[in-house]
Amino acid sequence: EVTIGTGGTATSVEVTFATAFVNAPICVAQSDTDIVPFKCVTTTLKVTISATLAFTAGSILHVITRGWE
């Protein structure tokens, strides 16, 4: 779960994994407060969630990643 803070007009957020995956996992993201299309892109080290509009401060994103090791 990622909560968007205040200040600025971010349209993307990155979450870094504590341990790198061998292969990039799949990703699904959903917001509690914004009805905005999201795009999830993963690498072996992080997931980047981008929106077509700026995130609203206080928005909560639920992020699910699943890797195959």
PDB file of N, CA and C in Angstrom:
ATOM      1  N   GLU A   1       0.846  -1.175   0.000  1.00  0.00           N
ATOM      2  CA  GLU A   1       0.000   0.000   0.000  1.00  0.00           C
ATOM      3  C   GLU A   1       0.889   1.235   0.000  1.00  0.00           C
ATOM      4  N   VAL A   2       0.599   2.170  -0.893  1.00  0.00           N
ATOM      5  CA  VAL A   2       1.364   3.405  -1.018  1.00  0.00           C
ATOM      6  C   VAL A   2       0.408   4.561  -0.829  1.00  0.00           C
ATOM      7  N   THR A   3       0.745   5.504   0.051  1.00  0.00           N
ATOM      8  CA  THR A   3      -0.062   6.705   0.239  1.00  0.00           C
ATOM      9  C   THR A   3       0.670   7.879  -0.385  1.00  0.00           C
ATOM     10  N   ILE A   4      -0.011   8.617  -1.252  1.00  0.00           N
ATOM     11  CA  ILE A   4       0.578   9.767  -1.922  1.00  0.00           C
ATOM     12  C   ILE A   4       0.606  10.940  -0.943  1.00  0.00           C
ATOM     13  N   GLY A   5       1.767  11.551  -0.789  1.00  0.00           N
ATOM     14  CA  GLY A   5       1.929  12.675   0.135  1.00  0.00           C
ATOM     15  C   GLY A   5       1.483  13.990  -0.481  1.00  0.00           C
ATOM     16  N   THR A   6       1.765  15.073   0.215  1.00  0.00           N
ATOM     17  CA  THR A   6       1.388  16.407  -0.257  1.00  0.00           C
ATOM     18  C   THR A   6       2.588  17.092  -0.895  1.00  0.00           C
ATOM     19  N   GLY A   7       2.340  18.130  -1.650  1.00  0.00           N
ATOM     20  CA  GLY A   7       3.400  18.897  -2.287  1.00  0.00           C
ATOM     21  C   GLY A   7       3.699  18.374  -3.672  1.00  0.00           C
ATOM     22  N   GLY A   8       3.547  19.216  -4.660  1.00  0.00           N
ATOM     23  CA  GLY A   8       3.819  18.798  -6.032  1.00  0.00           C
ATOM     24  C   GLY A   8       2.615  18.156  -6.681  1.00  0.00           C
ATOM     25  N   THR A   9       2.798  17.783  -7.928  1.00  0.00           N
ATOM     26  CA  THR A   9       1.727  17.147  -8.693  1.00  0.00           C
ATOM     27  C   THR A   9       2.273  15.894  -9.365  1.00  0.00           C
ATOM     28  N   ALA A  10       2.639  14.940  -8.564  1.00  0.00           N
ATOM     29  CA  ALA A  10       3.256  13.715  -9.083  1.00  0.00           C
ATOM     30  C   ALA A  10       2.297  12.929  -9.964  1.00  0.00           C
ATOM     31  N   THR A  11       2.816  12.430 -11.078  1.00  0.00           N
ATOM     32  CA  THR A  11       2.036  11.538 -11.935  1.00  0.00           C
ATOM     33  C   THR A  11       2.612  10.129 -11.929  1.00  0.00           C
ATOM     34  N   SER A  12       3.688   9.912 -11.164  1.00  0.00           N
ATOM     35  CA  SER A  12       4.225   8.559 -11.036  1.00  0.00           C
ATOM     36  C   SER A  12       4.870   8.385  -9.664  1.00  0.00           C
ATOM     37  N   VAL A  13       4.936   7.133  -9.246  1.00  0.00           N
ATOM     38  CA  VAL A  13       5.565   6.786  -7.971  1.00  0.00           C
ATOM     39  C   VAL A  13       6.351   5.503  -8.185  1.00  0.00           C
ATOM     40  N   GLU A  14       7.518   5.407  -7.543  1.00  0.00           N
ATOM     41  CA  GLU A  14       8.337   4.207  -7.634  1.00  0.00           C
ATOM     42  C   GLU A  14       8.451   3.551  -6.271  1.00  0.00           C
ATOM     43  N   VAL A  15       8.356   2.238  -6.272  1.00  0.00           N
ATOM     44  CA  VAL A  15       8.533   1.449  -5.052  1.00  0.00           C
ATOM     45  C   VAL A  15       9.696   0.495  -5.317  1.00  0.00           C
ATOM     46  N   THR A  16      10.725   0.584  -4.474  1.00  0.00           N
ATOM     47  CA  THR A  16      11.909  -0.249  -4.629  1.00  0.00           C
ATOM     48  C   THR A  16      11.766  -1.504  -3.784  1.00  0.00           C
ATOM     49  N   PHE A  17      12.116  -2.655  -4.348  1.00  0.00           N
ATOM     50  CA  PHE A  17      12.038  -3.919  -3.630  1.00  0.00           C
ATOM     51  C   PHE A  17      13.217  -4.055  -2.673  1.00  0.00           C
ATOM     52  N   ALA A  18      12.993  -4.656  -1.517  1.00  0.00           N
ATOM     53  CA  ALA A  18      14.063  -4.888  -0.546  1.00  0.00           C
ATOM     54  C   ALA A  18      15.089  -5.863  -1.096  1.00  0.00           C
ATOM     55  N   THR A  19      14.639  -6.853  -1.847  1.00  0.00           N
ATOM     56  CA  THR A  19      15.519  -7.839  -2.472  1.00  0.00           C
ATOM     57  C   THR A  19      15.146  -7.933  -3.944  1.00  0.00           C
ATOM     58  N   ALA A  20      16.130  -7.884  -4.795  1.00  0.00           N
ATOM     59  CA  ALA A  20      15.861  -7.938  -6.230  1.00  0.00           C
ATOM     60  C   ALA A  20      15.307  -9.300  -6.632  1.00  0.00           C
ATOM     61  N   PHE A  21      14.375  -9.289  -7.572  1.00  0.00           N
ATOM     62  CA  PHE A  21      13.864 -10.517  -8.161  1.00  0.00           C
ATOM     63  C   PHE A  21      14.835 -10.995  -9.239  1.00  0.00           C
ATOM     64  N   VAL A  22      14.809 -12.263  -9.549  1.00  0.00           N
ATOM     65  CA  VAL A  22      15.602 -12.791 -10.654  1.00  0.00           C
ATOM     66  C   VAL A  22      14.989 -12.328 -11.973  1.00  0.00           C
ATOM     67  N   ASN A  23      13.660 -12.374 -12.059  1.00  0.00           N
ATOM     68  CA  ASN A  23      12.916 -11.897 -13.225  1.00  0.00           C
ATOM     69  C   ASN A  23      11.945 -10.819 -12.760  1.00  0.00           C
ATOM     70  N   ALA A  24      11.649  -9.871 -13.618  1.00  0.00           N
ATOM     71  CA  ALA A  24      10.705  -8.810 -13.251  1.00  0.00           C
ATOM     72  C   ALA A  24       9.326  -9.404 -12.978  1.00  0.00           C
ATOM     73  N   PRO A  25       8.713  -9.067 -11.824  1.00  0.00           N
ATOM     74  CA  PRO A  25       7.389  -9.601 -11.506  1.00  0.00           C
ATOM     75  C   PRO A  25       6.284  -8.883 -12.278  1.00  0.00           C
ATOM     76  N   ILE A  26       5.095  -9.456 -12.246  1.00  0.00           N
ATOM     77  CA  ILE A  26       3.935  -8.768 -12.803  1.00  0.00           C
ATOM     78  C   ILE A  26       3.408  -7.803 -11.745  1.00  0.00           C
ATOM     79  N   CYS A  27       2.594  -6.851 -12.158  1.00  0.00           N
ATOM     80  CA  CYS A  27       2.128  -5.818 -11.225  1.00  0.00           C
ATOM     81  C   CYS A  27       0.676  -5.460 -11.519  1.00  0.00           C
ATOM     82  N   VAL A  28      -0.080  -5.215 -10.458  1.00  0.00           N
ATOM     83  CA  VAL A  28      -1.444  -4.701 -10.549  1.00  0.00           C
ATOM     84  C   VAL A  28      -1.556  -3.567  -9.528  1.00  0.00           C
ATOM     85  N   ALA A  29      -2.139  -2.435  -9.925  1.00  0.00           N
ATOM     86  CA  ALA A  29      -2.330  -1.316  -8.998  1.00  0.00           C
ATOM     87  C   ALA A  29      -3.755  -0.813  -9.096  1.00  0.00           C
ATOM     88  N   GLN A  30      -4.298  -0.424  -7.962  1.00  0.00           N
ATOM     89  CA  GLN A  30      -5.648   0.119  -7.905  1.00  0.00           C
ATOM     90  C   GLN A  30      -5.665   1.215  -6.857  1.00  0.00           C
ATOM     91  N   SER A  31      -6.449   2.255  -7.083  1.00  0.00           N
ATOM     92  CA  SER A  31      -6.537   3.375  -6.154  1.00  0.00           C
ATOM     93  C   SER A  31      -7.865   3.370  -5.429  1.00  0.00           C
ATOM     94  N   ASP A  32      -7.843   3.773  -4.155  1.00  0.00           N
ATOM     95  CA  ASP A  32      -9.075   3.925  -3.378  1.00  0.00           C
ATOM     96  C   ASP A  32      -9.825   5.202  -3.722  1.00  0.00           C
ATOM     97  N   THR A  33      -9.084   6.265  -4.079  1.00  0.00           N
ATOM     98  CA  THR A  33      -9.704   7.586  -4.151  1.00  0.00           C
ATOM     99  C   THR A  33      -9.773   8.194  -5.539  1.00  0.00           C
ATOM    100  N   ASP A  34      -8.926   7.791  -6.447  1.00  0.00           N
ATOM    101  CA  ASP A  34      -8.909   8.385  -7.783  1.00  0.00           C
ATOM    102  C   ASP A  34      -9.411   7.380  -8.809  1.00  0.00           C
ATOM    103  N   ILE A  35     -10.177   7.877  -9.759  1.00  0.00           N
ATOM    104  CA  ILE A  35     -10.584   7.027 -10.875  1.00  0.00           C
ATOM    105  C   ILE A  35      -9.754   7.491 -12.065  1.00  0.00           C
ATOM    106  N   VAL A  36      -8.541   6.971 -12.141  1.00  0.00           N
ATOM    107  CA  VAL A  36      -7.561   7.389 -13.132  1.00  0.00           C
ATOM    108  C   VAL A  36      -6.893   6.135 -13.692  1.00  0.00           C
ATOM    109  N   PRO A  37      -6.703   6.050 -15.006  1.00  0.00           N
ATOM    110  CA  PRO A  37      -5.991   4.901 -15.553  1.00  0.00           C
ATOM    111  C   PRO A  37      -4.550   4.839 -15.044  1.00  0.00           C
ATOM    112  N   PHE A  38      -4.115   3.656 -14.649  1.00  0.00           N
ATOM    113  CA  PHE A  38      -2.768   3.439 -14.149  1.00  0.00           C
ATOM    114  C   PHE A  38      -1.999   2.536 -15.089  1.00  0.00           C
ATOM    115  N   LYS A  39      -0.694   2.708 -15.081  1.00  0.00           N
ATOM    116  CA  LYS A  39       0.198   1.819 -15.804  1.00  0.00           C
ATOM    117  C   LYS A  39       1.265   1.357 -14.822  1.00  0.00           C
ATOM    118  N   CYS A  40       1.461   0.050 -14.705  1.00  0.00           N
ATOM    119  CA  CYS A  40       2.499  -0.530 -13.847  1.00  0.00           C
ATOM    120  C   CYS A  40       3.616  -1.050 -14.730  1.00  0.00           C
ATOM    121  N   VAL A  41       4.844  -0.675 -14.384  1.00  0.00           N
ATOM    122  CA  VAL A  41       6.013  -1.200 -15.079  1.00  0.00           C
ATOM    123  C   VAL A  41       6.969  -1.715 -14.013  1.00  0.00           C
ATOM    124  N   THR A  42       7.416  -2.948 -14.166  1.00  0.00           N
ATOM    125  CA  THR A  42       8.320  -3.518 -13.173  1.00  0.00           C
ATOM    126  C   THR A  42       9.669  -3.844 -13.797  1.00  0.00           C
ATOM    127  N   THR A  43      10.681  -3.787 -12.951  1.00  0.00           N
ATOM    128  CA  THR A  43      11.999  -4.311 -13.280  1.00  0.00           C
ATOM    129  C   THR A  43      12.327  -5.286 -12.155  1.00  0.00           C
ATOM    130  N   THR A  44      13.505  -5.822 -12.158  1.00  0.00           N
ATOM    131  CA  THR A  44      13.883  -6.730 -11.070  1.00  0.00           C
ATOM    132  C   THR A  44      14.101  -5.976  -9.764  1.00  0.00           C
ATOM    133  N   LEU A  45      14.215  -4.637  -9.815  1.00  0.00           N
ATOM    134  CA  LEU A  45      14.517  -3.834  -8.633  1.00  0.00           C
ATOM    135  C   LEU A  45      13.378  -2.961  -8.123  1.00  0.00           C
ATOM    136  N   LYS A  46      12.382  -2.660  -8.984  1.00  0.00           N
ATOM    137  CA  LYS A  46      11.348  -1.723  -8.554  1.00  0.00           C
ATOM    138  C   LYS A  46      10.089  -1.851  -9.409  1.00  0.00           C
ATOM    139  N   VAL A  47       9.029  -1.222  -8.915  1.00  0.00           N
ATOM    140  CA  VAL A  47       7.798  -1.078  -9.687  1.00  0.00           C
ATOM    141  C   VAL A  47       7.516   0.417  -9.816  1.00  0.00           C
ATOM    142  N   THR A  48       7.167   0.845 -11.012  1.00  0.00           N
ATOM    143  CA  THR A  48       6.817   2.235 -11.265  1.00  0.00           C
ATOM    144  C   THR A  48       5.352   2.281 -11.662  1.00  0.00           C
ATOM    145  N   ILE A  49       4.580   3.108 -10.943  1.00  0.00           N
ATOM    146  CA  ILE A  49       3.155   3.256 -11.215  1.00  0.00           C
ATOM    147  C   ILE A  49       2.939   4.663 -11.755  1.00  0.00           C
ATOM    148  N   SER A  50       2.398   4.747 -12.956  1.00  0.00           N
ATOM    149  CA  SER A  50       2.153   6.040 -13.596  1.00  0.00           C
ATOM    150  C   SER A  50       0.658   6.215 -13.819  1.00  0.00           C
ATOM    151  N   ALA A  51       0.214   7.466 -13.754  1.00  0.00           N
ATOM    152  CA  ALA A  51      -1.198   7.789 -13.980  1.00  0.00           C
ATOM    153  C   ALA A  51      -1.300   8.799 -15.113  1.00  0.00           C
ATOM    154  N   THR A  52      -2.453   8.823 -15.782  1.00  0.00           N
ATOM    155  CA  THR A  52      -2.649   9.773 -16.867  1.00  0.00           C
ATOM    156  C   THR A  52      -2.883  11.186 -16.339  1.00  0.00           C
ATOM    157  N   LEU A  53      -3.296  11.302 -15.077  1.00  0.00           N
ATOM    158  CA  LEU A  53      -3.472  12.599 -14.417  1.00  0.00           C
ATOM    159  C   LEU A  53      -2.656  12.581 -13.130  1.00  0.00           C
ATOM    160  N   ALA A  54      -2.434  13.746 -12.544  1.00  0.00           N
ATOM    161  CA  ALA A  54      -1.678  13.811 -11.289  1.00  0.00           C
ATOM    162  C   ALA A  54      -2.444  13.119 -10.168  1.00  0.00           C
ATOM    163  N   PHE A  55      -1.692  12.432  -9.294  1.00  0.00           N
ATOM    164  CA  PHE A  55      -2.288  11.815  -8.120  1.00  0.00           C
ATOM    165  C   PHE A  55      -2.777  12.901  -7.159  1.00  0.00           C
ATOM    166  N   THR A  56      -3.856  12.638  -6.455  1.00  0.00           N
ATOM    167  CA  THR A  56      -4.363  13.540  -5.434  1.00  0.00           C
ATOM    168  C   THR A  56      -3.663  13.238  -4.118  1.00  0.00           C
ATOM    169  N   ALA A  57      -3.255  14.285  -3.401  1.00  0.00           N
ATOM    170  CA  ALA A  57      -2.623  14.083  -2.096  1.00  0.00           C
ATOM    171  C   ALA A  57      -3.540  13.255  -1.207  1.00  0.00           C
ATOM    172  N   GLY A  58      -2.980  12.272  -0.539  1.00  0.00           N
ATOM    173  CA  GLY A  58      -3.746  11.388   0.325  1.00  0.00           C
ATOM    174  C   GLY A  58      -4.306  10.162  -0.375  1.00  0.00           C
ATOM    175  N   SER A  59      -4.144  10.091  -1.704  1.00  0.00           N
ATOM    176  CA  SER A  59      -4.607   8.912  -2.434  1.00  0.00           C
ATOM    177  C   SER A  59      -3.870   7.675  -1.937  1.00  0.00           C
ATOM    178  N   ILE A  60      -4.568   6.564  -1.885  1.00  0.00           N
ATOM    179  CA  ILE A  60      -3.968   5.298  -1.459  1.00  0.00           C
ATOM    180  C   ILE A  60      -3.967   4.346  -2.641  1.00  0.00           C
ATOM    181  N   LEU A  61      -2.789   3.843  -2.970  1.00  0.00           N
ATOM    182  CA  LEU A  61      -2.646   2.875  -4.049  1.00  0.00           C
ATOM    183  C   LEU A  61      -2.376   1.510  -3.441  1.00  0.00           C
ATOM    184  N   HIS A  62      -3.102   0.523  -3.885  1.00  0.00           N
ATOM    185  CA  HIS A  62      -2.847  -0.859  -3.489  1.00  0.00           C
ATOM    186  C   HIS A  62      -2.066  -1.490  -4.635  1.00  0.00           C
ATOM    187  N   VAL A  63      -0.880  -1.980  -4.328  1.00  0.00           N
ATOM    188  CA  VAL A  63       0.008  -2.526  -5.345  1.00  0.00           C
ATOM    189  C   VAL A  63       0.263  -3.997  -5.042  1.00  0.00           C
ATOM    190  N   ILE A  64       0.030  -4.839  -6.027  1.00  0.00           N
ATOM    191  CA  ILE A  64       0.298  -6.263  -5.882  1.00  0.00           C
ATOM    192  C   ILE A  64       1.346  -6.636  -6.928  1.00  0.00           C
ATOM    193  N   THR A  65       2.440  -7.244  -6.476  1.00  0.00           N
ATOM    194  CA  THR A  65       3.427  -7.767  -7.399  1.00  0.00           C
ATOM    195  C   THR A  65       3.598  -9.247  -7.121  1.00  0.00           C
ATOM    196  N   ARG A  66       3.854  -9.976  -8.175  1.00  0.00           N
ATOM    197  CA  ARG A  66       4.063 -11.416  -8.017  1.00  0.00           C
ATOM    198  C   ARG A  66       5.167 -11.856  -8.953  1.00  0.00           C
ATOM    199  N   GLY A  67       6.175 -12.460  -8.375  1.00  0.00           N
ATOM    200  CA  GLY A  67       7.297 -12.917  -9.176  1.00  0.00           C
ATOM    201  C   GLY A  67       7.389 -14.422  -9.179  1.00  0.00           C
ATOM    202  N   TRP A  68       8.029 -14.944 -10.187  1.00  0.00           N
ATOM    203  CA  TRP A  68       8.275 -16.373 -10.287  1.00  0.00           C
ATOM    204  C   TRP A  68       9.770 -16.579 -10.157  1.00  0.00           C
ATOM    205  N   GLU A  69      10.173 -17.217  -9.090  1.00  0.00           N
ATOM    206  CA  GLU A  69      11.602 -17.440  -8.836  1.00  0.00           C
ATOM    207  C   GLU A  69      11.929 -18.901  -8.966  1.00  0.00           C
TER     208      GLU A  69
END
